Amino acid sequence: MSLYSTEQRQFGIKKESSRGTAEAAPAKWYPVDKDTSLDYKLNLIDDKALRGIAEEFPPNLGTTMGSGKIKMPLDAQSIGEFLVSLLGAPTSAQQAATIAYKHTFLRATTIQRTGYTFFMDYGISVKKYNLGTVKKLTLTGPTDGIVMADMDVLFKTEATGAIGTPAFPTNQYLGFNGVSVKIGGSIDSDIKDWTLNIDNGAAAHRTLSQSQDISDILVKGRMNISGNFKIYFQSETERAKFLAGTSQNLRFLCEGATIASTYKYTVDVYLPKIYYKAYPLADLDGLLGATVEFDAKYDTSTTKAISVDLTNADVSY
């Protein structure tokens, strides 16, 4: 009898040259958390027709659906392809004739995002999943660990694949000691844990296509951006904005090692207009504090609800 450890799993991706057509093997491999899972499942259609018999009869084949979760440390060298899937292709610029490049991501208007083939080596076999799309990205920043990226993903179908020869990138994890949270343009050092959710509204699109699988994955819904952070009170200035319904801007700046010159591996998320949803006067570790909740909205002056600047050594995406 052969058993397989989950520690054997390896994950890779490749951008699809023809959207929706699975690639043969990964082009990039990334270390992922053991909570990562890609689930391709079949829905059965119950036979409820009456035959004068009380027992249930065998079901009929129904639709298939692919969804899952990819969880990994936030890494400035690895997160780029997932941001392409979540938001769309970026504008890239070399930084002062160095090997560093900054990639600026804004929400794309196209509803058919770039397709990726996900690959997972389970030990028992290698599976590949075409039309892989990131629906939601959650960033979680602790006070004493690595920032984590947790992604809800959709895909079309499952097939046997190949993992290739994995070559993992040099880790450029972004940790607590490189994180700055800026409220209104100023660093607030009284913030501890924080979470940011970015949901692009992607959903399965199903038509009569002579297949049990979905026809497409479309980003047709409204983008939803929300989050929270814990803060110790030094003043009531921001809580007053909550009570007055006044907007604020918020930035999560995550920096790592130096790439070249003054340029660092960076994930810089800027929300030009947020509204607080909750700002209580409460207990936080024995001190006066709050778990603050917020939503990000479209800002007419900057014509965006979110921008993400990613700085790394990749030339383009």
Protein backbone atom coordinates (compact mmCIF):
# COMPACT_ATOMS: atom_id res chain seq x y z
CA MET A 1 0.00 0.00 0.00
CA SER A 2 1.36 3.42 -0.99
CA LEU A 3 0.58 6.53 1.03
CA TYR A 4 1.50 10.10 0.16
CA SER A 5 2.53 12.96 2.41
CA THR A 6 1.05 16.38 1.77
CA GLU A 7 4.59 17.72 2.22
CA GLN A 8 5.34 16.26 -1.24
CA ARG A 9 3.02 18.68 -3.02
CA GLN A 10 4.46 21.17 -5.50
CA PHE A 11 2.60 24.02 -7.18
CA GLY A 12 3.27 25.79 -10.46
CA ILE A 13 1.55 28.07 -12.97
CA LYS A 14 1.85 29.19 -16.55
CA LYS A 15 0.11 31.98 -18.43
CA GLU A 16 -2.03 30.47 -21.18
CA SER A 17 -0.97 31.40 -24.70
CA SER A 18 -4.53 30.64 -25.81
CA ARG A 19 -6.96 31.61 -23.08
CA GLY A 20 -8.71 28.56 -21.67
CA THR A 21 -6.39 26.03 -23.32
CA ALA A 22 -4.30 24.24 -20.70
CA GLU A 23 -0.52 24.50 -20.94
CA ALA A 24 1.63 21.36 -20.83
CA ALA A 25 3.84 22.27 -17.84
CA PRO A 26 4.49 25.20 -15.50
CA ALA A 27 6.77 28.11 -16.32
CA LYS A 28 6.98 29.22 -12.68
CA TRP A 29 6.87 27.35 -9.38
CA TYR A 30 5.95 28.85 -6.02
CA PRO A 31 6.09 27.62 -2.42
CA VAL A 32 2.56 27.43 -1.02
CA ASP A 33 0.97 26.83 2.36
CA LYS A 34 -0.40 23.36 3.12
CA ASP A 35 -3.92 24.86 3.23
CA THR A 36 -3.72 25.32 -0.55
CA SER A 37 -6.33 23.18 -2.29
CA LEU A 38 -7.80 22.95 -5.80
CA ASP A 39 -11.15 21.18 -5.83
CA TYR A 40 -12.78 19.90 -9.03
CA LYS A 41 -16.17 18.44 -8.22
CA LEU A 42 -19.23 16.91 -9.84
CA ASN A 43 -22.79 17.85 -8.96
CA LEU A 44 -25.28 15.00 -9.22
CA ILE A 45 -28.90 15.50 -10.29
CA ASP A 46 -31.25 13.46 -8.13
CA ASP A 47 -33.90 11.33 -9.83
CA LYS A 48 -37.16 12.35 -8.11
CA ALA A 49 -39.52 10.73 -10.62
CA LEU A 50 -42.28 8.60 -9.07
CA ARG A 51 -42.29 4.86 -9.75
CA GLY A 52 -44.33 3.58 -6.84
CA ILE A 53 -41.10 2.76 -5.01
CA ALA A 54 -40.02 4.68 -1.89
CA GLU A 55 -36.29 4.15 -2.34
CA GLU A 56 -34.21 6.64 -4.29
CA PHE A 57 -32.99 5.77 -7.77
CA PRO A 58 -29.47 6.46 -9.09
CA PRO A 59 -28.71 10.11 -9.92
CA ASN A 60 -27.83 11.65 -13.26
CA LEU A 61 -24.61 13.45 -14.07
CA GLY A 62 -24.80 17.18 -13.47
CA THR A 63 -22.47 20.12 -13.79
CA THR A 64 -18.81 20.22 -12.84
CA MET A 65 -17.09 23.12 -11.13
CA GLY A 66 -13.55 24.05 -10.18
CA SER A 67 -12.63 26.28 -7.27
CA GLY A 68 -10.01 26.43 -4.60
CA LYS A 69 -7.65 28.37 -2.42
CA ILE A 70 -4.00 29.26 -2.94
CA LYS A 71 -2.24 30.43 0.20
CA MET A 72 1.35 31.59 0.25
CA PRO A 73 3.68 34.06 1.97
CA LEU A 74 3.48 37.49 0.36
CA ASP A 75 6.53 37.58 -1.88
CA ALA A 76 7.26 40.54 -4.15
CA GLN A 77 8.92 38.23 -6.67
CA SER A 78 6.00 35.75 -6.77
CA ILE A 79 2.75 37.69 -6.35
CA GLY A 80 2.84 39.43 -9.75
CA GLU A 81 1.09 36.78 -11.86
CA PHE A 82 -1.72 36.57 -9.33
CA LEU A 83 -2.17 40.36 -9.41
CA VAL A 84 -2.44 40.14 -13.22
CA SER A 85 -5.27 37.64 -12.77
CA LEU A 86 -6.96 39.68 -10.04
CA LEU A 87 -6.67 43.19 -11.48
CA GLY A 88 -5.31 42.98 -15.04
CA ALA A 89 -1.98 43.60 -16.75
CA PRO A 90 0.16 46.37 -15.20
CA THR A 91 2.14 49.28 -16.54
CA SER A 92 5.83 48.49 -15.98
CA ALA A 93 8.78 50.87 -15.71
CA GLN A 94 12.48 50.35 -15.08
CA GLN A 95 13.75 52.15 -12.01
CA ALA A 96 16.68 54.50 -12.78
CA ALA A 97 18.60 52.12 -15.10
CA THR A 98 18.76 49.40 -12.42
CA ILE A 99 17.50 45.82 -12.49
CA ALA A 100 14.48 46.95 -10.46
CA TYR A 101 11.11 47.42 -12.15
CA LYS A 102 7.91 48.91 -10.79
CA HIS A 103 4.63 47.42 -12.00
CA THR A 104 1.50 49.49 -11.38
CA PHE A 105 -1.76 47.55 -11.24
CA LEU A 106 -5.15 49.20 -11.67
CA ARG A 107 -8.49 47.51 -12.22
CA ALA A 108 -8.78 46.47 -15.87
CA THR A 109 -12.07 47.05 -17.67
CA THR A 110 -12.02 43.76 -19.59
CA ILE A 111 -14.28 41.06 -18.18
CA GLN A 112 -12.18 38.22 -19.64
CA ARG A 113 -8.98 38.26 -17.63
CA THR A 114 -5.73 36.54 -18.52
CA GLY A 115 -6.05 32.78 -18.12
CA TYR A 116 -3.51 30.70 -16.21
CA THR A 117 -3.03 26.97 -15.95
CA PHE A 118 -2.50 25.86 -12.36
CA PHE A 119 -0.47 22.70 -11.73
CA MET A 120 -0.35 20.63 -8.55
CA ASP A 121 1.88 17.62 -7.97
CA TYR A 122 0.08 15.57 -5.33
CA GLY A 123 2.66 12.80 -5.22
CA ILE A 124 0.11 10.25 -6.39
CA SER A 125 -0.31 12.20 -9.65
CA VAL A 126 0.03 15.64 -11.23
CA LYS A 127 -3.13 17.56 -12.08
CA LYS A 128 -3.55 20.69 -14.18
CA TYR A 129 -6.41 23.18 -14.08
CA ASN A 130 -7.08 25.48 -17.02
CA LEU A 131 -8.52 29.01 -17.14
CA GLY A 132 -7.28 29.61 -13.60
CA THR A 133 -8.52 32.96 -12.31
CA VAL A 134 -8.02 34.76 -9.01
CA LYS A 135 -11.38 35.95 -7.68
CA LYS A 136 -10.31 37.29 -4.31
CA LEU A 137 -7.04 38.20 -2.62
CA THR A 138 -6.79 38.57 1.13
CA LEU A 139 -3.63 40.03 2.65
CA THR A 140 -3.11 39.41 6.34
CA GLY A 141 -0.42 41.27 8.25
CA PRO A 142 0.51 40.13 11.78
CA THR A 143 2.72 41.97 14.25
CA ASP A 144 5.27 39.16 14.43
CA GLY A 145 5.28 37.15 11.20
CA ILE A 146 5.19 37.06 7.42
CA VAL A 147 2.38 38.83 5.56
CA MET A 148 0.22 36.10 4.01
CA ALA A 149 -1.58 36.14 0.66
CA ASP A 150 -4.72 34.02 0.60
CA MET A 151 -6.45 33.70 -2.80
CA ASP A 152 -9.83 32.31 -3.77
CA VAL A 153 -9.52 30.95 -7.30
CA LEU A 154 -11.78 29.52 -10.00
CA PHE A 155 -10.87 27.24 -12.90
CA LYS A 156 -12.61 25.31 -15.67
CA THR A 157 -11.60 21.66 -15.51
CA GLU A 158 -9.06 19.13 -14.24
CA ALA A 159 -6.75 16.97 -16.34
CA THR A 160 -3.57 14.97 -15.95
CA GLY A 161 -0.53 17.23 -16.20
CA ALA A 162 3.22 17.45 -15.68
CA ILE A 163 5.06 19.43 -13.02
CA GLY A 164 8.24 19.88 -15.07
CA THR A 165 11.48 20.51 -13.20
CA PRO A 166 10.58 22.86 -10.34
CA ALA A 167 12.90 25.84 -9.86
CA PHE A 168 11.66 27.92 -6.97
CA PRO A 169 12.56 31.63 -6.81
CA THR A 170 14.79 33.03 -4.09
CA ASN A 171 12.45 33.98 -1.27
CA GLN A 172 11.60 37.66 -1.06
CA TYR A 173 9.02 37.31 1.70
CA LEU A 174 7.61 40.50 3.15
CA GLY A 175 7.42 40.44 6.93
CA PHE A 176 6.08 42.49 9.81
CA ASN A 177 9.29 44.51 10.23
CA GLY A 178 8.97 45.95 6.72
CA VAL A 179 5.31 46.98 6.93
CA SER A 180 4.10 50.56 7.25
CA VAL A 181 0.43 51.48 7.48
CA LYS A 182 -0.23 55.06 6.47
CA ILE A 183 -3.46 56.86 7.31
CA GLY A 184 -3.92 60.17 5.54
CA GLY A 185 -0.33 59.96 4.29
CA SER A 186 1.27 59.54 7.72
CA ILE A 187 2.62 56.35 9.28
CA ASP A 188 0.53 55.19 12.23
CA SER A 189 2.75 53.13 14.53
CA ASP A 190 -0.13 52.27 16.88
CA ILE A 191 -1.62 49.76 14.42
CA LYS A 192 -1.04 46.05 14.91
CA ASP A 193 -2.75 43.24 12.96
CA TRP A 194 -4.44 44.15 9.66
CA THR A 195 -6.38 42.47 6.88
CA LEU A 196 -7.23 43.63 3.36
CA ASN A 197 -9.74 41.89 1.07
CA ILE A 198 -9.86 42.56 -2.70
CA ASP A 199 -12.69 40.76 -4.54
CA ASN A 200 -12.94 41.41 -8.29
CA GLY A 201 -16.38 39.82 -8.65
CA ALA A 202 -15.26 36.95 -10.91
CA ALA A 203 -17.88 34.25 -11.45
CA ALA A 204 -18.41 31.11 -13.49
CA HIS A 205 -20.30 31.60 -16.77
CA ARG A 206 -22.33 28.62 -17.90
CA THR A 207 -24.07 28.07 -21.24
CA LEU A 208 -25.40 25.11 -23.24
CA SER A 209 -22.00 24.17 -24.62
CA GLN A 210 -22.43 20.37 -24.76
CA SER A 211 -20.18 20.11 -21.73
CA GLN A 212 -20.56 19.64 -18.00
CA ASP A 213 -17.85 22.24 -17.48
CA ILE A 214 -18.40 25.98 -17.31
CA SER A 215 -18.07 28.00 -20.52
CA ASP A 216 -15.96 30.81 -19.12
CA ILE A 217 -14.98 32.79 -16.05
CA LEU A 218 -16.02 36.43 -16.28
CA VAL A 219 -15.15 39.39 -14.08
CA LYS A 220 -18.50 41.09 -14.45
CA GLY A 221 -19.46 41.94 -10.89
CA ARG A 222 -18.60 44.99 -8.84
CA MET A 223 -15.23 45.06 -7.17
CA ASN A 224 -15.44 44.90 -3.41
CA ILE A 225 -12.56 46.11 -1.25
CA SER A 226 -12.75 45.91 2.52
CA GLY A 227 -10.56 45.32 5.51
CA ASN A 228 -9.80 45.92 9.13
CA PHE A 229 -6.99 46.76 11.50
CA LYS A 230 -6.43 46.90 15.23
CA ILE A 231 -5.26 50.18 16.68
CA TYR A 232 -4.43 51.61 20.09
CA PHE A 233 -5.96 55.03 20.74
CA GLN A 234 -3.61 58.02 20.94
CA SER A 235 -6.35 60.42 19.82
CA GLU A 236 -9.92 60.36 18.54
CA THR A 237 -9.18 62.10 15.23
CA GLU A 238 -9.89 59.10 13.02
CA ARG A 239 -12.87 57.98 15.08
CA ALA A 240 -14.34 61.44 14.55
CA LYS A 241 -14.09 60.84 10.79
CA PHE A 242 -16.04 57.61 11.28
CA LEU A 243 -18.80 59.39 13.19
CA ALA A 244 -18.93 62.21 10.63
CA GLY A 245 -18.92 59.87 7.64
CA THR A 246 -15.76 61.54 6.32
CA SER A 247 -13.52 59.65 3.91
CA GLN A 248 -9.82 58.97 4.43
CA ASN A 249 -6.98 57.46 2.40
CA LEU A 250 -5.07 54.38 3.49
CA ARG A 251 -1.84 52.74 2.38
CA PHE A 252 -0.31 49.36 3.20
CA LEU A 253 3.39 49.51 2.32
CA CYS A 254 5.29 46.21 2.55
CA GLU A 255 9.03 46.42 1.87
CA GLY A 256 11.74 43.79 1.82
CA ALA A 257 15.36 43.42 0.76
CA THR A 258 17.14 45.86 -1.55
CA ILE A 259 17.09 45.01 -5.27
CA ALA A 260 19.47 47.72 -6.42
CA SER A 261 20.38 51.25 -5.37
CA THR A 262 17.52 52.50 -3.15
CA TYR A 263 14.89 50.20 -4.66
CA LYS A 264 13.46 47.41 -2.53
CA TYR A 265 11.20 44.45 -3.13
CA THR A 266 7.87 46.11 -2.45
CA VAL A 267 4.12 45.61 -2.46
CA ASP A 268 2.46 49.00 -2.05
CA VAL A 269 -1.35 49.02 -1.85
CA TYR A 270 -3.03 52.42 -1.94
CA LEU A 271 -6.71 53.07 -1.24
CA PRO A 272 -7.46 56.74 -2.03
CA LYS A 273 -10.91 56.76 -0.45
CA ILE A 274 -12.04 54.61 2.45
CA TYR A 275 -14.98 54.92 4.80
CA TYR A 276 -14.85 53.51 8.30
CA LYS A 277 -17.64 51.04 9.12
CA ALA A 278 -16.75 50.44 12.75
CA TYR A 279 -14.51 52.35 15.18
CA PRO A 280 -15.47 51.39 18.74
CA LEU A 281 -13.95 52.51 22.02
CA ALA A 282 -13.01 49.07 23.31
CA ASP A 283 -10.46 46.93 25.11
CA LEU A 284 -7.38 45.87 23.14
CA ASP A 285 -4.86 43.89 25.17
CA GLY A 286 -5.76 45.84 28.29
CA LEU A 287 -5.46 49.20 26.54
CA LEU A 288 -8.05 51.45 24.95
CA GLY A 289 -8.21 50.40 21.34
CA ALA A 290 -10.41 49.35 18.45
CA THR A 291 -10.84 46.80 15.73
CA VAL A 292 -11.51 49.19 12.88
CA GLU A 293 -13.47 48.06 9.82
CA PHE A 294 -13.48 49.89 6.50
CA ASP A 295 -14.63 49.77 2.88
CA ALA A 296 -12.76 51.29 -0.06
CA LYS A 297 -14.74 53.27 -2.62
CA TYR A 298 -14.08 54.80 -6.04
CA ASP A 299 -12.31 58.15 -5.82
CA THR A 300 -13.31 60.57 -8.59
CA SER A 301 -10.20 62.73 -8.21
CA THR A 302 -7.76 59.85 -8.78
CA THR A 303 -10.25 57.81 -10.91
CA LYS A 304 -9.61 54.61 -8.98
CA ALA A 305 -10.55 52.67 -5.88
CA ILE A 306 -7.21 50.90 -5.57
CA SER A 307 -3.71 50.84 -7.01
CA VAL A 308 -0.98 48.32 -6.32
CA ASP A 309 2.67 49.12 -7.03
CA LEU A 310 4.82 46.01 -7.17
CA THR A 311 8.60 46.47 -7.30
CA ASN A 312 10.77 43.48 -8.13
CA ALA A 313 13.28 42.20 -10.70
CA ASP A 314 10.73 41.08 -13.32
CA VAL A 315 10.82 43.17 -16.49
CA SER A 316 7.14 42.75 -17.39
CA TYR A 317 4.03 40.58 -17.04
